[in-house]
Amino acid sequence: MKSRNVSLIIFLVVLADQALKLYIKTHFYLNESHNVLGNWFRLYFVENEGMAYGWKFGGQAGKMLLTLFRLGAVIFGVWYLGNIIQKKYHRGFIICAALIFAGALGNLIDSMFYGMIFEDSYSGHLAALFPKHGYAGFLHGKVVDMLYFPIIRDAHFPKWVPVWGGDDFEFFRPIFNLADASISTGVITILVFQKRFLKHHPDNKPYDTIETGAVVNDDVQVQ
């Protein structure tokens, strides 16, 4: 697979991810929600300072470490993608690696720059793009999430279920973005097709042979 095709995949994923985030950030109030396909697919604007799907990690210090980790992962990803392209890995594996890289890059952009280029979002206030003062400094931006699929809502765990018995149940609860979806798609696909993607091919290198017109019989001694 050619590197320009991989670059195109990454570019399109990051472009779509950032375009949707910019639209949501400048057109939705924080926690505003709109149905897209009935009640089971919504655009629901939230922001998080943690990992994918809104998971938290250690406050501001954790936020900084997570952003630096993403930066390191993106730098490593550039080298790794070049390496597997050069070694002609399975096309599907390269595409999945590109999706994971694109997702990491998309969320890294939020963490690095959104605090500086946006106003803060809150109820009743639409954030302006490129204000005089952003809501946070470099590396402290919040990741914009908006994809919400509450397929099963207003359900309850049966009383007999340990720990969660009687509690409310909802599937799918996390709110995420296209970058998160790209990462998840790449990882899950690799796990499902790992035997095909990482299959070792036999060494097909031809071996030199020596042709001879000598007669081979029981009287010939092999040394």
Protein backbone atom coordinates (compact mmCIF):
# COMPACT_ATOMS: atom_id res chain seq x y z
CA MET A 1 0.00 0.00 0.00
CA LYS A 2 1.37 3.40 -0.98
CA SER A 3 2.13 6.07 1.61
CA ARG A 4 0.04 8.68 -0.23
CA ASN A 5 -3.05 6.49 0.13
CA VAL A 6 -2.40 6.14 3.86
CA SER A 7 -1.92 9.91 4.11
CA LEU A 8 -5.24 10.45 2.32
CA ILE A 9 -7.08 8.18 4.79
CA ILE A 10 -5.57 10.06 7.74
CA PHE A 11 -6.36 13.44 6.19
CA LEU A 12 -10.01 12.58 5.48
CA VAL A 13 -10.61 11.19 8.99
CA VAL A 14 -9.01 14.19 10.70
CA LEU A 15 -10.83 16.62 8.38
CA ALA A 16 -14.24 15.04 9.10
CA ASP A 17 -13.51 14.86 12.83
CA GLN A 18 -12.40 18.48 13.10
CA ALA A 19 -15.17 19.82 10.85
CA LEU A 20 -17.84 18.20 13.03
CA LYS A 21 -16.16 19.40 16.22
CA LEU A 22 -15.91 22.97 14.94
CA TYR A 23 -19.58 22.93 13.96
CA ILE A 24 -20.72 21.54 17.31
CA LYS A 25 -18.50 23.87 19.32
CA THR A 26 -19.80 26.99 17.53
CA HIS A 27 -23.47 26.01 17.07
CA PHE A 28 -24.40 24.07 20.24
CA TYR A 29 -24.64 25.16 23.83
CA LEU A 30 -22.87 22.87 26.27
CA ASN A 31 -25.12 19.84 27.02
CA GLU A 32 -27.45 20.75 24.15
CA SER A 33 -28.92 17.74 22.37
CA HIS A 34 -30.73 17.20 19.04
CA ASN A 35 -32.21 14.02 17.62
CA VAL A 36 -30.75 12.84 14.31
CA LEU A 37 -32.44 9.45 13.82
CA GLY A 38 -35.27 9.12 16.27
CA ASN A 39 -34.32 8.82 19.92
CA TRP A 40 -31.49 6.34 19.39
CA PHE A 41 -29.00 8.64 17.61
CA ARG A 42 -28.40 12.17 18.88
CA LEU A 43 -25.90 14.97 18.62
CA TYR A 44 -25.20 15.77 22.25
CA PHE A 45 -22.50 18.36 22.94
CA VAL A 46 -20.23 17.59 25.87
CA GLU A 47 -16.57 18.25 26.57
CA ASN A 48 -14.12 16.12 28.49
CA GLU A 49 -10.62 16.52 29.84
CA GLY A 50 -9.89 12.82 29.94
CA MET A 51 -9.66 9.85 27.66
CA ALA A 52 -11.88 8.56 24.89
CA TYR A 53 -15.63 8.24 25.55
CA GLY A 54 -15.44 10.78 28.40
CA TRP A 55 -13.41 8.67 30.83
CA LYS A 56 -11.46 10.72 33.37
CA PHE A 57 -7.81 10.48 34.28
CA GLY A 58 -6.25 12.25 37.26
CA GLY A 59 -7.45 15.88 37.06
CA GLN A 60 -5.28 18.59 35.49
CA ALA A 61 -2.04 16.68 36.05
CA GLY A 62 -3.59 13.62 34.44
CA LYS A 63 -4.85 15.80 31.59
CA MET A 64 -1.32 17.08 30.92
CA LEU A 65 0.16 13.57 31.05
CA LEU A 66 -2.54 12.26 28.75
CA THR A 67 -1.93 15.04 26.21
CA LEU A 68 1.83 14.41 26.29
CA PHE A 69 1.19 10.70 25.88
CA ARG A 70 -1.00 11.40 22.84
CA LEU A 71 1.74 13.62 21.41
CA GLY A 72 4.32 10.88 21.91
CA ALA A 73 1.98 8.30 20.39
CA VAL A 74 1.44 10.46 17.30
CA ILE A 75 5.19 10.98 16.84
CA PHE A 76 5.77 7.24 17.22
CA GLY A 77 2.86 6.58 14.86
CA VAL A 78 4.52 8.53 12.05
CA TRP A 79 7.59 6.27 12.27
CA TYR A 80 5.54 3.10 12.72
CA LEU A 81 3.30 3.73 9.72
CA GLY A 82 6.32 4.40 7.53
CA ASN A 83 7.93 1.20 8.79
CA ILE A 84 4.96 -1.11 8.10
CA ILE A 85 4.38 0.47 4.69
CA GLN A 86 8.02 -0.10 3.76
CA LYS A 87 7.85 -3.71 4.96
CA LYS A 88 4.64 -4.25 2.96
CA TYR A 89 2.41 -5.39 5.81
CA HIS A 90 -1.10 -6.58 5.04
CA ARG A 91 -3.18 -3.80 3.46
CA GLY A 92 -5.93 -4.20 6.07
CA PHE A 93 -3.46 -3.87 8.93
CA ILE A 94 -1.99 -0.69 7.47
CA ILE A 95 -5.47 0.83 7.05
CA CYS A 96 -6.35 -0.02 10.66
CA ALA A 97 -3.08 1.49 11.90
CA ALA A 98 -3.87 4.63 9.88
CA LEU A 99 -7.34 4.86 11.48
CA ILE A 100 -5.85 4.57 14.98
CA PHE A 101 -3.25 7.22 14.13
CA ALA A 102 -5.87 9.57 12.67
CA GLY A 103 -8.06 9.24 15.76
CA ALA A 104 -5.17 9.96 18.10
CA LEU A 105 -4.20 12.99 16.00
CA GLY A 106 -7.78 14.30 15.95
CA ASN A 107 -8.09 14.29 19.74
CA LEU A 108 -4.56 15.64 20.14
CA ILE A 109 -5.54 18.72 18.12
CA ASP A 110 -8.36 19.41 20.60
CA SER A 111 -6.06 19.01 23.61
CA MET A 112 -3.28 21.15 22.18
CA PHE A 113 -5.13 24.04 20.56
CA TYR A 114 -8.84 24.27 21.43
CA GLY A 115 -8.18 26.06 24.72
CA MET A 116 -6.44 28.84 22.83
CA ILE A 117 -8.72 29.22 19.81
CA PHE A 118 -12.15 28.95 21.49
CA GLU A 119 -14.12 30.63 24.22
CA ASP A 120 -15.46 28.42 26.96
CA SER A 121 -18.77 26.73 26.27
CA TYR A 122 -21.60 26.73 28.79
CA SER A 123 -25.39 26.70 28.91
CA GLY A 124 -26.86 29.64 26.98
CA HIS A 125 -23.53 30.71 25.46
CA LEU A 126 -22.10 29.77 22.06
CA ALA A 127 -18.32 29.70 22.00
CA ALA A 128 -16.64 32.13 19.60
CA LEU A 129 -13.77 30.98 17.40
CA PHE A 130 -10.49 32.90 17.70
CA PRO A 131 -11.42 35.20 20.62
CA LYS A 132 -8.93 37.58 22.23
CA HIS A 133 -8.47 35.14 25.06
CA GLY A 134 -9.16 31.43 24.97
CA TYR A 135 -10.49 29.40 27.87
CA ALA A 136 -7.20 27.55 28.54
CA GLY A 137 -3.55 27.43 27.60
CA PHE A 138 -1.54 25.21 25.29
CA LEU A 139 -2.05 21.46 25.96
CA HIS A 140 -5.04 22.13 28.24
CA GLY A 141 -7.88 22.12 25.71
CA LYS A 142 -10.97 20.00 26.21
CA VAL A 143 -11.92 17.26 23.76
CA VAL A 144 -15.27 17.85 22.03
CA ASP A 145 -17.68 14.88 21.99
CA MET A 146 -21.09 14.72 20.35
CA LEU A 147 -22.10 11.25 19.09
CA TYR A 148 -24.66 9.64 21.39
CA PHE A 149 -26.46 6.35 20.74
CA PRO A 150 -28.92 5.63 23.60
CA ILE A 151 -30.29 2.51 21.92
CA ILE A 152 -31.77 1.13 25.16
CA ARG A 153 -33.05 3.75 27.63
CA ASP A 154 -35.18 3.89 30.78
CA ALA A 155 -34.39 0.25 31.58
CA HIS A 156 -33.43 -1.23 34.95
CA PHE A 157 -31.21 -4.06 36.07
CA PRO A 158 -33.19 -6.89 37.71
CA LYS A 159 -33.09 -6.90 41.52
CA TRP A 160 -31.15 -10.17 41.55
CA VAL A 161 -28.18 -8.75 39.58
CA PRO A 162 -25.18 -8.32 41.94
CA VAL A 163 -23.96 -4.75 42.60
CA TRP A 164 -26.22 -3.09 39.98
CA GLY A 165 -29.52 -4.72 40.93
CA GLY A 166 -32.37 -2.20 40.56
CA ASP A 167 -30.14 0.52 39.07
CA ASP A 168 -30.96 2.34 35.85
CA PHE A 169 -29.60 0.76 32.68
CA GLU A 170 -28.77 2.45 29.40
CA PHE A 171 -27.04 1.17 26.27
CA PHE A 172 -25.04 2.85 24.76
CA ARG A 173 -24.24 5.48 27.43
CA PRO A 174 -20.86 7.00 26.41
CA ILE A 175 -20.76 10.10 24.22
CA PHE A 176 -17.85 10.11 21.76
CA ASN A 177 -16.50 11.71 18.58
CA LEU A 178 -15.31 10.57 15.15
CA ALA A 179 -11.71 10.33 16.38
CA ASP A 180 -12.77 7.90 19.13
CA ALA A 181 -14.78 5.90 16.58
CA SER A 182 -11.77 5.76 14.24
CA ILE A 183 -9.52 4.43 17.00
CA SER A 184 -12.09 1.85 18.11
CA THR A 185 -12.70 0.68 14.53
CA GLY A 186 -8.99 0.19 13.94
CA VAL A 187 -8.37 -1.66 17.20
CA ILE A 188 -11.43 -3.93 16.97
CA THR A 189 -10.75 -4.82 13.33
CA ILE A 190 -7.15 -5.77 14.15
CA LEU A 191 -8.32 -7.97 17.02
CA VAL A 192 -10.92 -9.70 14.85
CA PHE A 193 -8.66 -10.25 11.82
CA GLN A 194 -5.27 -10.49 13.53
CA LYS A 195 -4.54 -13.98 12.15
CA ARG A 196 -5.10 -12.77 8.62
CA PHE A 197 -3.31 -9.46 9.07
CA LEU A 198 -0.26 -10.81 10.90
CA LYS A 199 0.08 -14.17 9.17
CA HIS A 200 3.70 -15.15 8.54
CA HIS A 201 4.36 -16.02 4.94
CA PRO A 202 6.79 -18.83 4.10
CA ASP A 203 10.16 -17.84 2.73
CA ASN A 204 9.81 -18.14 -1.02
CA LYS A 205 13.38 -17.17 -1.79
CA PRO A 206 14.67 -19.32 -4.65
CA TYR A 207 17.67 -21.54 -4.00
CA ASP A 208 20.51 -22.10 -6.43
CA THR A 209 20.77 -25.60 -7.88
CA ILE A 210 23.64 -27.34 -9.60
CA GLU A 211 22.93 -29.31 -12.71
CA THR A 212 25.27 -32.13 -13.62
CA GLY A 213 25.35 -34.82 -16.22
CA ALA A 214 26.97 -37.33 -13.85
CA VAL A 215 25.34 -40.72 -13.62
CA VAL A 216 23.97 -41.54 -10.19
CA ASN A 217 23.96 -45.24 -9.23
CA ASP A 218 24.91 -47.57 -6.41
CA ASP A 219 28.61 -47.28 -7.25
CA VAL A 220 28.71 -43.51 -6.68
CA GLN A 221 30.01 -42.47 -3.28
CA VAL A 222 28.57 -39.37 -1.70
CA GLN A 223 31.01 -37.46 0.51
